Amino acid sequence: MTRAYIFYLWWLDCFLAVFHERALDFGAAVFTAILLLDPICRILVSNIAQTLKNVLPVQIYNL
């Protein structure tokens, strides 16, 4: 629910910026960062966790 609300506000702000010829404000920059970084961070953390899950038991077993 929160992400959908932030996404709505971000698009509304972009719409106003384009059609009223004003720069994006700080709020839009924050919303953009949240929307872009959240999925990237989730993928990175998931990949790191999966790699550690696969590699660590083998490394410990080989010691």
Protein backbone atom coordinates (compact mmCIF):
# COMPACT_ATOMS: atom_id res chain seq x y z
CA MET A 1 0.00 0.00 0.00
CA THR A 2 2.76 2.44 0.92
CA ARG A 3 4.74 1.77 -2.25
CA ALA A 4 1.67 2.28 -4.40
CA TYR A 5 1.02 5.61 -2.68
CA ILE A 6 4.63 6.75 -3.15
CA PHE A 7 4.51 5.66 -6.78
CA TYR A 8 1.31 7.64 -7.31
CA LEU A 9 2.82 10.76 -5.73
CA TRP A 10 5.98 10.38 -7.82
CA TRP A 11 4.02 10.15 -11.09
CA LEU A 12 1.79 13.04 -10.09
CA ASP A 13 4.83 15.18 -9.37
CA CYS A 14 6.45 14.21 -12.68
CA PHE A 15 3.22 15.07 -14.51
CA LEU A 16 3.08 18.49 -12.87
CA ALA A 17 6.76 19.09 -13.58
CA VAL A 18 6.41 18.33 -17.29
CA PHE A 19 3.19 20.18 -17.94
CA HIS A 20 3.90 23.17 -15.73
CA GLU A 21 7.55 23.47 -16.80
CA ARG A 22 9.12 23.32 -13.39
CA ALA A 23 11.97 21.21 -12.07
CA LEU A 24 11.33 18.09 -9.99
CA ASP A 25 11.44 18.89 -6.32
CA PHE A 26 13.28 17.10 -3.57
CA GLY A 27 10.30 14.88 -2.78
CA ALA A 28 10.24 13.48 -6.30
CA ALA A 29 13.97 12.76 -6.10
CA VAL A 30 13.45 10.85 -2.86
CA PHE A 31 10.52 8.89 -4.30
CA THR A 32 12.59 8.08 -7.40
CA ALA A 33 15.47 6.83 -5.27
CA ILE A 34 13.13 4.63 -3.21
CA LEU A 35 11.49 3.18 -6.30
CA LEU A 36 14.77 2.52 -8.10
CA LEU A 37 16.91 1.30 -5.21
CA ASP A 38 14.39 -0.94 -3.47
CA PRO A 39 14.22 -3.65 -6.19
CA ILE A 40 17.97 -3.42 -6.85
CA CYS A 41 18.78 -3.88 -3.15
CA ARG A 42 16.37 -6.81 -2.88
CA ILE A 43 18.01 -8.54 -5.86
CA LEU A 44 21.53 -7.91 -4.56
CA VAL A 45 20.75 -9.17 -1.06
CA SER A 46 18.99 -12.22 -2.49
CA ASN A 47 21.93 -13.03 -4.79
CA ILE A 48 24.49 -12.59 -2.02
CA ALA A 49 22.46 -14.76 0.35
CA GLN A 50 22.07 -17.48 -2.28
CA THR A 51 25.80 -17.40 -3.08
CA LEU A 52 26.76 -17.66 0.57
CA LYS A 53 24.27 -20.46 1.08
CA ASN A 54 25.83 -22.39 -1.79
CA VAL A 55 29.51 -21.60 -1.16
CA LEU A 56 29.96 -21.64 2.61
CA PRO A 57 29.06 -25.30 3.29
CA VAL A 58 31.46 -26.43 0.55
CA GLN A 59 34.27 -24.24 1.89
CA ILE A 60 33.75 -25.45 5.45
CA TYR A 61 33.56 -29.08 4.33
CA ASN A 62 36.83 -28.74 2.37
CA LEU A 63 38.72 -27.33 5.36
